[in-house]
N, C-alpha and C. Protein backbone atom coordinates (compact mmCIF):
# COMPACT_ATOMS: atom_id res chain seq x y z
N MET A 1 21.51 13.69 94.85
CA MET A 1 21.98 12.84 95.94
C MET A 1 22.35 11.48 95.36
N PRO A 2 23.48 10.93 95.79
CA PRO A 2 23.91 9.64 95.25
C PRO A 2 23.04 8.49 95.75
N ASN A 3 22.97 7.46 94.93
CA ASN A 3 22.20 6.26 95.27
C ASN A 3 23.09 5.14 95.77
N ILE A 4 24.33 5.13 95.34
CA ILE A 4 25.26 4.04 95.69
C ILE A 4 25.84 4.30 97.08
N LYS A 5 25.98 3.22 97.85
CA LYS A 5 26.43 3.34 99.24
C LYS A 5 27.80 4.00 99.35
N SER A 6 28.74 3.61 98.51
CA SER A 6 30.08 4.18 98.59
C SER A 6 30.08 5.67 98.22
N ALA A 7 29.21 6.05 97.30
CA ALA A 7 29.11 7.45 96.91
C ALA A 7 28.52 8.28 98.05
N LYS A 8 27.55 7.71 98.77
CA LYS A 8 26.98 8.39 99.93
C LYS A 8 28.05 8.62 100.99
N LYS A 9 28.89 7.62 101.19
CA LYS A 9 29.97 7.75 102.18
C LYS A 9 30.94 8.83 101.75
N ARG A 10 31.28 8.88 100.47
CA ARG A 10 32.22 9.89 99.98
C ARG A 10 31.68 11.30 100.23
N VAL A 11 30.37 11.47 100.05
CA VAL A 11 29.76 12.79 100.30
C VAL A 11 29.96 13.18 101.76
N LYS A 12 29.75 12.23 102.67
CA LYS A 12 29.92 12.51 104.10
C LYS A 12 31.38 12.82 104.43
N VAL A 13 32.29 12.01 103.90
CA VAL A 13 33.71 12.20 104.17
C VAL A 13 34.21 13.53 103.63
N ILE A 14 33.77 13.89 102.43
CA ILE A 14 34.18 15.17 101.84
C ILE A 14 33.66 16.33 102.67
N ALA A 15 32.45 16.21 103.19
CA ALA A 15 31.88 17.28 104.02
C ALA A 15 32.72 17.47 105.28
N VAL A 16 33.15 16.38 105.90
CA VAL A 16 33.96 16.47 107.12
C VAL A 16 35.31 17.09 106.80
N LYS A 17 35.95 16.62 105.73
CA LYS A 17 37.27 17.14 105.36
C LYS A 17 37.21 18.61 104.96
N THR A 18 36.14 19.00 104.28
CA THR A 18 35.97 20.40 103.90
C THR A 18 35.87 21.28 105.13
N ASN A 19 35.13 20.81 106.12
CA ASN A 19 34.99 21.56 107.37
C ASN A 19 36.33 21.70 108.08
N ILE A 20 37.11 20.63 108.13
CA ILE A 20 38.43 20.67 108.77
C ILE A 20 39.35 21.65 108.04
N ASN A 21 39.37 21.57 106.71
CA ASN A 21 40.23 22.45 105.93
C ASN A 21 39.80 23.91 106.06
N LYS A 22 38.50 24.14 106.10
CA LYS A 22 38.00 25.51 106.22
C LYS A 22 38.40 26.10 107.58
N THR A 23 38.31 25.28 108.63
CA THR A 23 38.69 25.73 109.96
C THR A 23 40.18 26.07 109.99
N ALA A 24 41.00 25.18 109.43
CA ALA A 24 42.45 25.42 109.42
C ALA A 24 42.79 26.68 108.62
N SER A 25 42.12 26.86 107.50
CA SER A 25 42.36 28.02 106.66
C SER A 25 41.98 29.32 107.38
N THR A 26 40.87 29.30 108.09
CA THR A 26 40.42 30.48 108.82
C THR A 26 41.39 30.83 109.93
N GLU A 27 41.84 29.82 110.68
CA GLU A 27 42.82 30.06 111.75
C GLU A 27 44.11 30.63 111.18
N LEU A 28 44.53 30.10 110.04
CA LEU A 28 45.75 30.55 109.39
C LEU A 28 45.64 32.03 109.01
N LYS A 29 44.52 32.40 108.40
CA LYS A 29 44.33 33.79 108.00
C LYS A 29 44.33 34.72 109.22
N THR A 30 43.72 34.26 110.31
CA THR A 30 43.68 35.07 111.52
C THR A 30 45.09 35.29 112.07
N ASP A 31 45.90 34.23 112.11
CA ASP A 31 47.27 34.36 112.62
C ASP A 31 48.12 35.27 111.73
N ILE A 32 47.93 35.18 110.43
CA ILE A 32 48.68 36.04 109.52
C ILE A 32 48.29 37.50 109.74
N LYS A 33 46.99 37.76 109.90
CA LYS A 33 46.53 39.13 110.16
C LYS A 33 47.07 39.66 111.47
N LYS A 34 47.12 38.81 112.50
CA LYS A 34 47.67 39.23 113.79
C LYS A 34 49.14 39.58 113.66
N ALA A 35 49.89 38.77 112.91
CA ALA A 35 51.31 39.03 112.72
C ALA A 35 51.53 40.33 111.96
N LEU A 36 50.75 40.55 110.91
CA LEU A 36 50.88 41.78 110.14
C LEU A 36 50.52 43.00 110.98
N ALA A 37 49.49 42.86 111.79
CA ALA A 37 49.09 43.97 112.66
C ALA A 37 50.19 44.28 113.68
N ALA A 38 50.82 43.23 114.21
CA ALA A 38 51.89 43.43 115.19
C ALA A 38 53.08 44.13 114.53
N VAL A 39 53.40 43.73 113.31
CA VAL A 39 54.53 44.35 112.59
C VAL A 39 54.22 45.81 112.29
N GLU A 40 53.02 46.08 111.81
CA GLU A 40 52.65 47.46 111.45
C GLU A 40 52.60 48.37 112.68
N ALA A 41 52.17 47.81 113.83
CA ALA A 41 52.04 48.61 115.04
C ALA A 41 53.38 48.82 115.75
N GLY A 42 54.40 48.08 115.33
CA GLY A 42 55.70 48.21 115.99
C GLY A 42 55.73 47.52 117.34
N ASP A 43 54.91 46.50 117.49
CA ASP A 43 54.83 45.75 118.74
C ASP A 43 56.19 45.11 119.06
N PRO A 44 56.64 45.16 120.32
CA PRO A 44 57.92 44.55 120.65
C PRO A 44 57.94 43.02 120.47
N ASP A 45 56.79 42.39 120.52
CA ASP A 45 56.72 40.93 120.33
C ASP A 45 56.37 40.56 118.90
N ARG A 46 56.65 41.45 117.94
CA ARG A 46 56.26 41.17 116.56
C ARG A 46 57.00 39.97 115.97
N ALA A 47 58.24 39.76 116.38
CA ALA A 47 58.99 38.60 115.87
C ALA A 47 58.34 37.30 116.32
N GLN A 48 57.84 37.27 117.55
CA GLN A 48 57.16 36.07 118.04
C GLN A 48 55.86 35.83 117.28
N ALA A 49 55.14 36.91 116.96
CA ALA A 49 53.89 36.78 116.22
C ALA A 49 54.15 36.24 114.82
N VAL A 50 55.21 36.73 114.18
CA VAL A 50 55.57 36.26 112.85
C VAL A 50 56.01 34.80 112.92
N LYS A 51 56.76 34.45 113.95
CA LYS A 51 57.22 33.08 114.11
C LYS A 51 56.03 32.12 114.27
N ALA A 52 55.04 32.54 115.04
CA ALA A 52 53.84 31.71 115.23
C ALA A 52 53.08 31.55 113.92
N ALA A 53 52.99 32.64 113.15
CA ALA A 53 52.28 32.58 111.87
C ALA A 53 53.01 31.67 110.89
N VAL A 54 54.34 31.73 110.88
CA VAL A 54 55.14 30.88 109.99
C VAL A 54 54.94 29.41 110.36
N LYS A 55 54.86 29.14 111.64
CA LYS A 55 54.63 27.77 112.09
C LYS A 55 53.28 27.26 111.60
N LYS A 56 52.24 28.11 111.69
CA LYS A 56 50.91 27.73 111.21
C LYS A 56 50.93 27.51 109.70
N ILE A 57 51.66 28.38 108.98
CA ILE A 57 51.75 28.24 107.52
C ILE A 57 52.40 26.92 107.16
N ASP A 58 53.49 26.57 107.85
CA ASP A 58 54.17 25.30 107.59
C ASP A 58 53.25 24.11 107.85
N ARG A 59 52.51 24.19 108.94
CA ARG A 59 51.60 23.09 109.28
C ARG A 59 50.49 22.96 108.23
N ALA A 60 49.97 24.09 107.77
CA ALA A 60 48.92 24.06 106.75
C ALA A 60 49.45 23.48 105.44
N ALA A 61 50.69 23.79 105.09
CA ALA A 61 51.28 23.24 103.87
C ALA A 61 51.50 21.74 104.01
N ALA A 62 51.91 21.31 105.19
CA ALA A 62 52.14 19.88 105.42
C ALA A 62 50.83 19.08 105.34
N LYS A 63 49.74 19.70 105.79
CA LYS A 63 48.45 19.01 105.78
C LYS A 63 47.73 19.12 104.44
N GLY A 64 48.25 19.93 103.54
CA GLY A 64 47.63 20.05 102.23
C GLY A 64 46.60 21.15 102.15
N VAL A 65 46.48 21.97 103.18
CA VAL A 65 45.54 23.09 103.13
C VAL A 65 46.08 24.15 102.17
N LEU A 66 47.40 24.34 102.18
CA LEU A 66 48.06 25.28 101.27
C LEU A 66 49.04 24.52 100.37
N HIS A 67 49.22 25.03 99.17
CA HIS A 67 50.28 24.50 98.31
C HIS A 67 51.62 24.99 98.85
N LYS A 68 52.68 24.20 98.65
CA LYS A 68 53.97 24.56 99.24
C LYS A 68 54.51 25.89 98.71
N ASN A 69 54.27 26.19 97.44
CA ASN A 69 54.74 27.47 96.90
C ASN A 69 53.95 28.64 97.47
N ASN A 70 52.66 28.43 97.70
CA ASN A 70 51.82 29.45 98.31
C ASN A 70 52.31 29.72 99.73
N ALA A 71 52.65 28.64 100.45
CA ALA A 71 53.15 28.79 101.82
C ALA A 71 54.48 29.56 101.81
N ALA A 72 55.34 29.22 100.87
CA ALA A 72 56.64 29.90 100.79
C ALA A 72 56.45 31.38 100.50
N ARG A 73 55.49 31.71 99.64
CA ARG A 73 55.23 33.11 99.30
C ARG A 73 54.71 33.87 100.51
N LYS A 74 53.82 33.26 101.27
CA LYS A 74 53.29 33.91 102.46
C LYS A 74 54.37 34.13 103.52
N LYS A 75 55.23 33.14 103.71
CA LYS A 75 56.33 33.27 104.69
C LYS A 75 57.30 34.36 104.25
N SER A 76 57.59 34.41 102.97
CA SER A 76 58.51 35.42 102.45
C SER A 76 57.95 36.82 102.65
N ALA A 77 56.66 36.98 102.40
CA ALA A 77 56.03 38.29 102.56
C ALA A 77 56.07 38.74 104.02
N LEU A 78 55.82 37.79 104.94
CA LEU A 78 55.90 38.13 106.37
C LEU A 78 57.32 38.53 106.76
N ALA A 79 58.29 37.78 106.27
CA ALA A 79 59.70 38.07 106.59
C ALA A 79 60.11 39.44 106.06
N ARG A 80 59.67 39.76 104.84
CA ARG A 80 60.01 41.07 104.26
C ARG A 80 59.42 42.21 105.09
N ARG A 81 58.17 42.04 105.50
CA ARG A 81 57.54 43.08 106.33
C ARG A 81 58.25 43.25 107.65
N LEU A 82 58.63 42.11 108.27
CA LEU A 82 59.33 42.16 109.55
C LEU A 82 60.69 42.82 109.40
N ASN A 83 61.43 42.45 108.37
CA ASN A 83 62.76 43.03 108.15
C ASN A 83 62.67 44.52 107.85
N ALA A 84 61.65 44.92 107.10
CA ALA A 84 61.49 46.34 106.79
C ALA A 84 61.15 47.12 108.06
N ALA A 85 60.38 46.53 108.94
CA ALA A 85 60.02 47.21 110.19
C ALA A 85 61.22 47.30 111.13
N ASN A 86 62.08 46.30 111.11
CA ASN A 86 63.26 46.30 111.98
C ASN A 86 64.35 47.24 111.47
N ALA A 87 64.37 47.48 110.16
CA ALA A 87 65.43 48.31 109.58
C ALA A 87 65.21 49.79 109.82
């Protein structure tokens, strides 16, 4: 445990930010799984599910939860699955 006041504050701030990032990451994974499930099931609203997941991915990349290349890869994979299901 840190002894210096500023170090104690950093521990608290990092704990809060970790919790926020973990929550965002969990929500993102859930939305991606929902979109993939909708595409695999042939759901008529699968395009909307993918669109919602892409929006979450973009937001996560903007906030720094995901790296921009990781976000691009996830969006591309969703798009490929959707296009393959539509074809």
